[in-house]
PDB file of N, CA and C in Angstrom:
ATOM      1  N   UNK A   1     -41.140  71.127 -97.427  1.00  0.00           N
ATOM      2  CA  UNK A   1     -41.830  71.452 -96.192  1.00  0.00           C
ATOM      3  C   UNK A   1     -43.146  72.117 -96.562  1.00  0.00           C
ATOM      4  N   UNK A   2     -44.181  71.701 -95.917  1.00  0.00           N
ATOM      5  CA  UNK A   2     -45.507  72.220 -96.215  1.00  0.00           C
ATOM      6  C   UNK A   2     -45.899  73.260 -95.179  1.00  0.00           C
ATOM      7  N   UNK A   3     -46.667  74.258 -95.619  1.00  0.00           N
ATOM      8  CA  UNK A   3     -47.089  75.314 -94.706  1.00  0.00           C
ATOM      9  C   UNK A   3     -48.111  74.824 -93.694  1.00  0.00           C
ATOM     10  N   UNK A   4     -48.730  73.663 -93.935  1.00  0.00           N
ATOM     11  CA  UNK A   4     -49.761  73.169 -93.025  1.00  0.00           C
ATOM     12  C   UNK A   4     -49.179  72.361 -91.872  1.00  0.00           C
ATOM     13  N   UNK A   5     -47.884  72.150 -91.849  1.00  0.00           N
ATOM     14  CA  UNK A   5     -47.290  71.365 -90.765  1.00  0.00           C
ATOM     15  C   UNK A   5     -47.318  72.175 -89.480  1.00  0.00           C
ATOM     16  N   UNK A   6     -47.749  71.538 -88.418  1.00  0.00           N
ATOM     17  CA  UNK A   6     -47.863  72.254 -87.154  1.00  0.00           C
ATOM     18  C   UNK A   6     -46.778  71.861 -86.162  1.00  0.00           C
ATOM     19  N   UNK A   7     -45.863  70.954 -86.550  1.00  0.00           N
ATOM     20  CA  UNK A   7     -44.801  70.570 -85.619  1.00  0.00           C
ATOM     21  C   UNK A   7     -43.562  71.445 -85.773  1.00  0.00           C
ATOM     22  N   UNK A   8     -43.566  72.379 -86.714  1.00  0.00           N
ATOM     23  CA  UNK A   8     -42.443  73.283 -86.878  1.00  0.00           C
ATOM     24  C   UNK A   8     -42.719  74.611 -86.183  1.00  0.00           C
ATOM     25  N   UNK A   9     -41.635  75.239 -85.733  1.00  0.00           N
ATOM     26  CA  UNK A   9     -41.722  76.541 -85.075  1.00  0.00           C
ATOM     27  C   UNK A   9     -41.441  77.593 -86.140  1.00  0.00           C
ATOM     28  N   UNK A  10     -42.360  78.517 -86.332  1.00  0.00           N
ATOM     29  CA  UNK A  10     -42.175  79.548 -87.349  1.00  0.00           C
ATOM     30  C   UNK A  10     -41.768  80.851 -86.685  1.00  0.00           C
ATOM     31  N   UNK A  11     -40.666  81.430 -87.192  1.00  0.00           N
ATOM     32  CA  UNK A  11     -40.158  82.694 -86.685  1.00  0.00           C
ATOM     33  C   UNK A  11     -39.910  83.638 -87.848  1.00  0.00           C
ATOM     34  N   UNK A  12     -40.108  84.918 -87.618  1.00  0.00           N
ATOM     35  CA  UNK A  12     -39.805  85.933 -88.616  1.00  0.00           C
ATOM     36  C   UNK A  12     -38.415  86.488 -88.349  1.00  0.00           C
ATOM     37  N   UNK A  13     -37.737  86.891 -89.420  1.00  0.00           N
ATOM     38  CA  UNK A  13     -36.401  87.431 -89.258  1.00  0.00           C
ATOM     39  C   UNK A  13     -35.924  88.115 -90.524  1.00  0.00           C
ATOM     40  N   UNK A  14     -34.632  88.467 -90.523  1.00  0.00           N
ATOM     41  CA  UNK A  14     -34.004  89.183 -91.625  1.00  0.00           C
ATOM     42  C   UNK A  14     -32.758  88.427 -92.063  1.00  0.00           C
ATOM     43  N   UNK A  15     -32.528  88.361 -93.378  1.00  0.00           N
ATOM     44  CA  UNK A  15     -31.326  87.728 -93.916  1.00  0.00           C
ATOM     45  C   UNK A  15     -30.135  88.622 -93.582  1.00  0.00           C
ATOM     46  N   UNK A  16     -29.140  88.074 -92.868  1.00  0.00           N
ATOM     47  CA  UNK A  16     -27.975  88.867 -92.490  1.00  0.00           C
ATOM     48  C   UNK A  16     -26.712  88.440 -93.223  1.00  0.00           C
ATOM     49  N   UNK A  17     -26.705  87.231 -93.798  1.00  0.00           N
ATOM     50  CA  UNK A  17     -25.516  86.747 -94.487  1.00  0.00           C
ATOM     51  C   UNK A  17     -25.949  85.710 -95.510  1.00  0.00           C
ATOM     52  N   UNK A  18     -25.225  85.658 -96.633  1.00  0.00           N
ATOM     53  CA  UNK A  18     -25.504  84.678 -97.683  1.00  0.00           C
ATOM     54  C   UNK A  18     -24.262  83.821 -97.862  1.00  0.00           C
ATOM     55  N   UNK A  19     -24.434  82.503 -97.779  1.00  0.00           N
ATOM     56  CA  UNK A  19     -23.325  81.569 -97.934  1.00  0.00           C
ATOM     57  C   UNK A  19     -23.454  80.816 -99.251  1.00  0.00           C
ATOM     58  N   UNK A  20     -22.381  80.145 -99.639  1.00  0.00           N
ATOM     59  CA  UNK A  20     -22.402  79.340-100.862  1.00  0.00           C
ATOM     60  C   UNK A  20     -23.310  78.130-100.667  1.00  0.00           C
ATOM     61  N   UNK A  21     -23.837  77.636-101.758  1.00  0.00           N
ATOM     62  CA  UNK A  21     -24.663  76.439-101.701  1.00  0.00           C
ATOM     63  C   UNK A  21     -26.095  76.696-101.280  1.00  0.00           C
ATOM     64  N   UNK A  22     -26.558  77.925-101.395  1.00  0.00           N
ATOM     65  CA  UNK A  22     -27.953  78.206-101.065  1.00  0.00           C
ATOM     66  C   UNK A  22     -28.245  78.297 -99.584  1.00  0.00           C
ATOM     67  N   UNK A  23     -27.229  78.552 -98.780  1.00  0.00           N
ATOM     68  CA  UNK A  23     -27.417  78.684 -97.342  1.00  0.00           C
ATOM     69  C   UNK A  23     -27.487  80.172 -96.974  1.00  0.00           C
ATOM     70  N   UNK A  24     -28.305  80.471 -95.982  1.00  0.00           N
ATOM     71  CA  UNK A  24     -28.476  81.845 -95.521  1.00  0.00           C
ATOM     72  C   UNK A  24     -28.372  81.886 -94.007  1.00  0.00           C
ATOM     73  N   UNK A  25     -27.936  83.028 -93.491  1.00  0.00           N
ATOM     74  CA  UNK A  25     -27.986  83.252 -92.049  1.00  0.00           C
ATOM     75  C   UNK A  25     -29.117  84.237 -91.787  1.00  0.00           C
ATOM     76  N   UNK A  26     -30.031  83.836 -90.914  1.00  0.00           N
ATOM     77  CA  UNK A  26     -31.200  84.640 -90.607  1.00  0.00           C
ATOM     78  C   UNK A  26     -31.131  85.038 -89.148  1.00  0.00           C
ATOM     79  N   UNK A  27     -31.245  86.341 -88.893  1.00  0.00           N
ATOM     80  CA  UNK A  27     -31.362  86.813 -87.513  1.00  0.00           C
ATOM     81  C   UNK A  27     -32.841  86.990 -87.216  1.00  0.00           C
ATOM     82  N   UNK A  28     -33.344  86.194 -86.289  1.00  0.00           N
ATOM     83  CA  UNK A  28     -34.764  86.235 -85.976  1.00  0.00           C
ATOM     84  C   UNK A  28     -35.084  87.456 -85.131  1.00  0.00           C
ATOM     85  N   UNK A  29     -36.367  87.755 -85.041  1.00  0.00           N
ATOM     86  CA  UNK A  29     -36.794  88.890 -84.218  1.00  0.00           C
ATOM     87  C   UNK A  29     -36.499  88.644 -82.745  1.00  0.00           C
ATOM     88  N   UNK A  30     -36.346  87.380 -82.350  1.00  0.00           N
ATOM     89  CA  UNK A  30     -36.013  87.050 -80.973  1.00  0.00           C
ATOM     90  C   UNK A  30     -34.531  87.276 -80.677  1.00  0.00           C
ATOM     91  N   UNK A  31     -33.729  87.509 -81.717  1.00  0.00           N
ATOM     92  CA  UNK A  31     -32.318  87.807 -81.513  1.00  0.00           C
ATOM     93  C   UNK A  31     -31.384  86.647 -81.777  1.00  0.00           C
ATOM     94  N   UNK A  32     -31.905  85.478 -82.102  1.00  0.00           N
ATOM     95  CA  UNK A  32     -31.045  84.323 -82.375  1.00  0.00           C
ATOM     96  C   UNK A  32     -30.674  84.288 -83.852  1.00  0.00           C
ATOM     97  N   UNK A  33     -29.512  83.685 -84.135  1.00  0.00           N
ATOM     98  CA  UNK A  33     -29.076  83.514 -85.518  1.00  0.00           C
ATOM     99  C   UNK A  33     -29.286  82.063 -85.914  1.00  0.00           C
ATOM    100  N   UNK A  34     -29.867  81.875 -87.106  1.00  0.00           N
ATOM    101  CA  UNK A  34     -30.228  80.543 -87.588  1.00  0.00           C
ATOM    102  C   UNK A  34     -29.661  80.362 -88.982  1.00  0.00           C
ATOM    103  N   UNK A  35     -29.069  79.199 -89.256  1.00  0.00           N
ATOM    104  CA  UNK A  35     -28.625  78.863 -90.611  1.00  0.00           C
ATOM    105  C   UNK A  35     -29.814  78.220 -91.317  1.00  0.00           C
ATOM    106  N   UNK A  36     -30.170  78.727 -92.495  1.00  0.00           N
ATOM    107  CA  UNK A  36     -31.375  78.250 -93.168  1.00  0.00           C
ATOM    108  C   UNK A  36     -31.142  78.102 -94.667  1.00  0.00           C
ATOM    109  N   UNK A  37     -31.989  77.301 -95.280  1.00  0.00           N
ATOM    110  CA  UNK A  37     -31.975  77.144 -96.731  1.00  0.00           C
ATOM    111  C   UNK A  37     -33.392  77.302 -97.249  1.00  0.00           C
ATOM    112  N   UNK A  38     -33.522  77.498 -98.561  1.00  0.00           N
ATOM    113  CA  UNK A  38     -34.836  77.684 -99.153  1.00  0.00           C
ATOM    114  C   UNK A  38     -35.593  76.361 -99.177  1.00  0.00           C
ATOM    115  N   UNK A  39     -36.901  76.427 -98.969  1.00  0.00           N
ATOM    116  CA  UNK A  39     -37.713  75.225 -99.078  1.00  0.00           C
ATOM    117  C   UNK A  39     -37.882  74.876-100.552  1.00  0.00           C
ATOM    118  N   UNK A  40     -38.306  73.678-100.835  1.00  0.00           N
ATOM    119  CA  UNK A  40     -38.425  73.184-102.201  1.00  0.00           C
ATOM    120  C   UNK A  40     -39.394  73.986-103.047  1.00  0.00           C
ATOM    121  N   UNK A  41     -40.470  74.461-102.456  1.00  0.00           N
ATOM    122  CA  UNK A  41     -41.448  75.231-103.217  1.00  0.00           C
ATOM    123  C   UNK A  41     -40.865  76.559-103.680  1.00  0.00           C
ATOM    124  N   UNK A  42     -40.038  77.190-102.831  1.00  0.00           N
ATOM    125  CA  UNK A  42     -39.420  78.459-103.223  1.00  0.00           C
ATOM    126  C   UNK A  42     -38.378  78.231-104.314  1.00  0.00           C
ATOM    127  N   UNK A  43     -37.654  77.105-104.271  1.00  0.00           N
ATOM    128  CA  UNK A  43     -36.705  76.787-105.333  1.00  0.00           C
ATOM    129  C   UNK A  43     -37.438  76.463-106.629  1.00  0.00           C
ATOM    130  N   UNK A  44     -38.550  75.750-106.521  1.00  0.00           N
ATOM    131  CA  UNK A  44     -39.328  75.358-107.702  1.00  0.00           C
ATOM    132  C   UNK A  44     -39.834  76.572-108.469  1.00  0.00           C
ATOM    133  N   UNK A  45     -40.351  77.570-107.758  1.00  0.00           N
ATOM    134  CA  UNK A  45     -40.896  78.753-108.400  1.00  0.00           C
ATOM    135  C   UNK A  45     -39.873  79.882-108.520  1.00  0.00           C
ATOM    136  N   UNK A  46     -38.603  79.563-108.248  1.00  0.00           N
ATOM    137  CA  UNK A  46     -37.471  80.488-108.423  1.00  0.00           C
ATOM    138  C   UNK A  46     -37.682  81.816-107.694  1.00  0.00           C
ATOM    139  N   UNK A  47     -38.097  81.726-106.446  1.00  0.00           N
ATOM    140  CA  UNK A  47     -38.255  82.926-105.620  1.00  0.00           C
ATOM    141  C   UNK A  47     -36.877  83.301-105.077  1.00  0.00           C
ATOM    142  N   UNK A  48     -36.424  84.484-105.409  1.00  0.00           N
ATOM    143  CA  UNK A  48     -35.086  84.937-105.027  1.00  0.00           C
ATOM    144  C   UNK A  48     -35.117  85.597-103.653  1.00  0.00           C
ATOM    145  N   UNK A  49     -34.100  85.298-102.863  1.00  0.00           N
ATOM    146  CA  UNK A  49     -33.951  85.897-101.537  1.00  0.00           C
ATOM    147  C   UNK A  49     -32.574  86.544-101.496  1.00  0.00           C
ATOM    148  N   UNK A  50     -32.524  87.831-101.119  1.00  0.00           N
ATOM    149  CA  UNK A  50     -31.255  88.538-101.070  1.00  0.00           C
ATOM    150  C   UNK A  50     -31.033  89.107 -99.669  1.00  0.00           C
ATOM    151  N   UNK A  51     -29.860  89.650 -99.474  1.00  0.00           N
ATOM    152  CA  UNK A  51     -29.460  90.210 -98.181  1.00  0.00           C
ATOM    153  C   UNK A  51     -30.435  91.310 -97.765  1.00  0.00           C
ATOM    154  N   UNK A  52     -30.911  91.245 -96.534  1.00  0.00           N
ATOM    155  CA  UNK A  52     -31.807  92.264 -96.005  1.00  0.00           C
ATOM    156  C   UNK A  52     -33.282  91.944 -96.141  1.00  0.00           C
ATOM    157  N   UNK A  53     -33.638  90.861 -96.816  1.00  0.00           N
ATOM    158  CA  UNK A  53     -35.050  90.502 -96.987  1.00  0.00           C
ATOM    159  C   UNK A  53     -35.653  90.007 -95.681  1.00  0.00           C
ATOM    160  N   UNK A  54     -36.934  90.317 -95.492  1.00  0.00           N
ATOM    161  CA  UNK A  54     -37.692  89.784 -94.355  1.00  0.00           C
ATOM    162  C   UNK A  54     -38.245  88.429 -94.753  1.00  0.00           C
ATOM    163  N   UNK A  55     -38.005  87.411 -93.938  1.00  0.00           N
ATOM    164  CA  UNK A  55     -38.421  86.054 -94.266  1.00  0.00           C
ATOM    165  C   UNK A  55     -39.072  85.393 -93.050  1.00  0.00           C
ATOM    166  N   UNK A  56     -39.770  84.302 -93.314  1.00  0.00           N
ATOM    167  CA  UNK A  56     -40.295  83.442 -92.267  1.00  0.00           C
ATOM    168  C   UNK A  56     -39.528  82.128 -92.319  1.00  0.00           C
ATOM    169  N   UNK A  57     -39.004  81.696 -91.182  1.00  0.00           N
ATOM    170  CA  UNK A  57     -38.198  80.489 -91.092  1.00  0.00           C
ATOM    171  C   UNK A  57     -38.951  79.455 -90.261  1.00  0.00           C
ATOM    172  N   UNK A  58     -39.012  78.231 -90.779  1.00  0.00           N
ATOM    173  CA  UNK A  58     -39.621  77.124 -90.037  1.00  0.00           C
ATOM    174  C   UNK A  58     -38.498  76.292 -89.434  1.00  0.00           C
ATOM    175  N   UNK A  59     -38.518  76.156 -88.120  1.00  0.00           N
ATOM    176  CA  UNK A  59     -37.484  75.410 -87.398  1.00  0.00           C
ATOM    177  C   UNK A  59     -38.051  74.106 -86.881  1.00  0.00           C
ATOM    178  N   UNK A  60     -37.228  73.077 -86.907  1.00  0.00           N
ATOM    179  CA  UNK A  60     -37.607  71.817 -86.293  1.00  0.00           C
ATOM    180  C   UNK A  60     -37.450  71.946 -84.787  1.00  0.00           C
ATOM    181  N   UNK A  61     -38.365  71.376 -84.010  1.00  0.00           N
ATOM    182  CA  UNK A  61     -38.201  71.467 -82.550  1.00  0.00           C
ATOM    183  C   UNK A  61     -37.001  70.677 -82.030  1.00  0.00           C
ATOM    184  N   UNK A  62     -36.403  69.829 -82.868  1.00  0.00           N
ATOM    185  CA  UNK A  62     -35.274  69.015 -82.440  1.00  0.00           C
ATOM    186  C   UNK A  62     -33.932  69.723 -82.627  1.00  0.00           C
ATOM    187  N   UNK A  63     -33.843  70.617 -83.629  1.00  0.00           N
ATOM    188  CA  UNK A  63     -32.603  71.348 -83.880  1.00  0.00           C
ATOM    189  C   UNK A  63     -32.965  72.793 -84.204  1.00  0.00           C
ATOM    190  N   UNK A  64     -32.791  73.673 -83.242  1.00  0.00           N
ATOM    191  CA  UNK A  64     -33.209  75.059 -83.388  1.00  0.00           C
ATOM    192  C   UNK A  64     -32.162  75.939 -84.063  1.00  0.00           C
ATOM    193  N   UNK A  65     -31.080  75.338 -84.566  1.00  0.00           N
ATOM    194  CA  UNK A  65     -30.046  76.129 -85.230  1.00  0.00           C
ATOM    195  C   UNK A  65     -30.144  76.052 -86.747  1.00  0.00           C
ATOM    196  N   UNK A  66     -30.964  75.148 -87.286  1.00  0.00           N
ATOM    197  CA  UNK A  66     -31.134  74.999 -88.719  1.00  0.00           C
ATOM    198  C   UNK A  66     -32.615  75.120 -89.056  1.00  0.00           C
ATOM    199  N   UNK A  67     -32.882  75.739 -90.209  1.00  0.00           N
ATOM    200  CA  UNK A  67     -34.275  75.902 -90.593  1.00  0.00           C
ATOM    201  C   UNK A  67     -34.445  75.989 -92.092  1.00  0.00           C
ATOM    202  N   UNK A  68     -35.705  76.125 -92.484  1.00  0.00           N
ATOM    203  CA  UNK A  68     -36.078  76.270 -93.886  1.00  0.00           C
ATOM    204  C   UNK A  68     -36.803  77.602 -94.058  1.00  0.00           C
ATOM    205  N   UNK A  69     -36.411  78.369 -95.056  1.00  0.00           N
ATOM    206  CA  UNK A  69     -37.097  79.612 -95.375  1.00  0.00           C
ATOM    207  C   UNK A  69     -38.348  79.246 -96.161  1.00  0.00           C
ATOM    208  N   UNK A  70     -39.515  79.561 -95.596  1.00  0.00           N
ATOM    209  CA  UNK A  70     -40.776  79.174 -96.219  1.00  0.00           C
ATOM    210  C   UNK A  70     -41.535  80.349 -96.807  1.00  0.00           C
ATOM    211  N   UNK A  71     -41.121  81.591 -96.532  1.00  0.00           N
ATOM    212  CA  UNK A  71     -41.854  82.742 -97.036  1.00  0.00           C
ATOM    213  C   UNK A  71     -40.937  83.951 -97.073  1.00  0.00           C
ATOM    214  N   UNK A  72     -41.040  84.732 -98.155  1.00  0.00           N
ATOM    215  CA  UNK A  72     -40.323  86.008 -98.259  1.00  0.00           C
ATOM    216  C   UNK A  72     -41.348  87.120 -98.285  1.00  0.00           C
ATOM    217  N   UNK A  73     -41.231  88.046 -97.343  1.00  0.00           N
ATOM    218  CA  UNK A  73     -42.189  89.146 -97.252  1.00  0.00           C
ATOM    219  C   UNK A  73     -41.991  90.116 -98.401  1.00  0.00           C
ATOM    220  N   UNK A  74     -43.060  90.712 -98.839  1.00  0.00           N
ATOM    221  CA  UNK A  74     -43.001  91.648 -99.971  1.00  0.00           C
ATOM    222  C   UNK A  74     -42.507  93.004 -99.521  1.00  0.00           C
TER     223      UNK A  74
END
């Protein structure tokens, strides 16, 4: 997923749960829970995401329950 795509909805949130297989549960600032995985660029550069991290999730407008983690806040 590229950061220049404008058809995705980007939301900020916090990692609340870590599942097997690289899946995470993110609670967005809007209060919804989203199941998300790391985008390819974050896996390529081995950016680690742990419980409690602030992240940005890109959601497809077709399925708002699944997303890709595209950024981890410092």
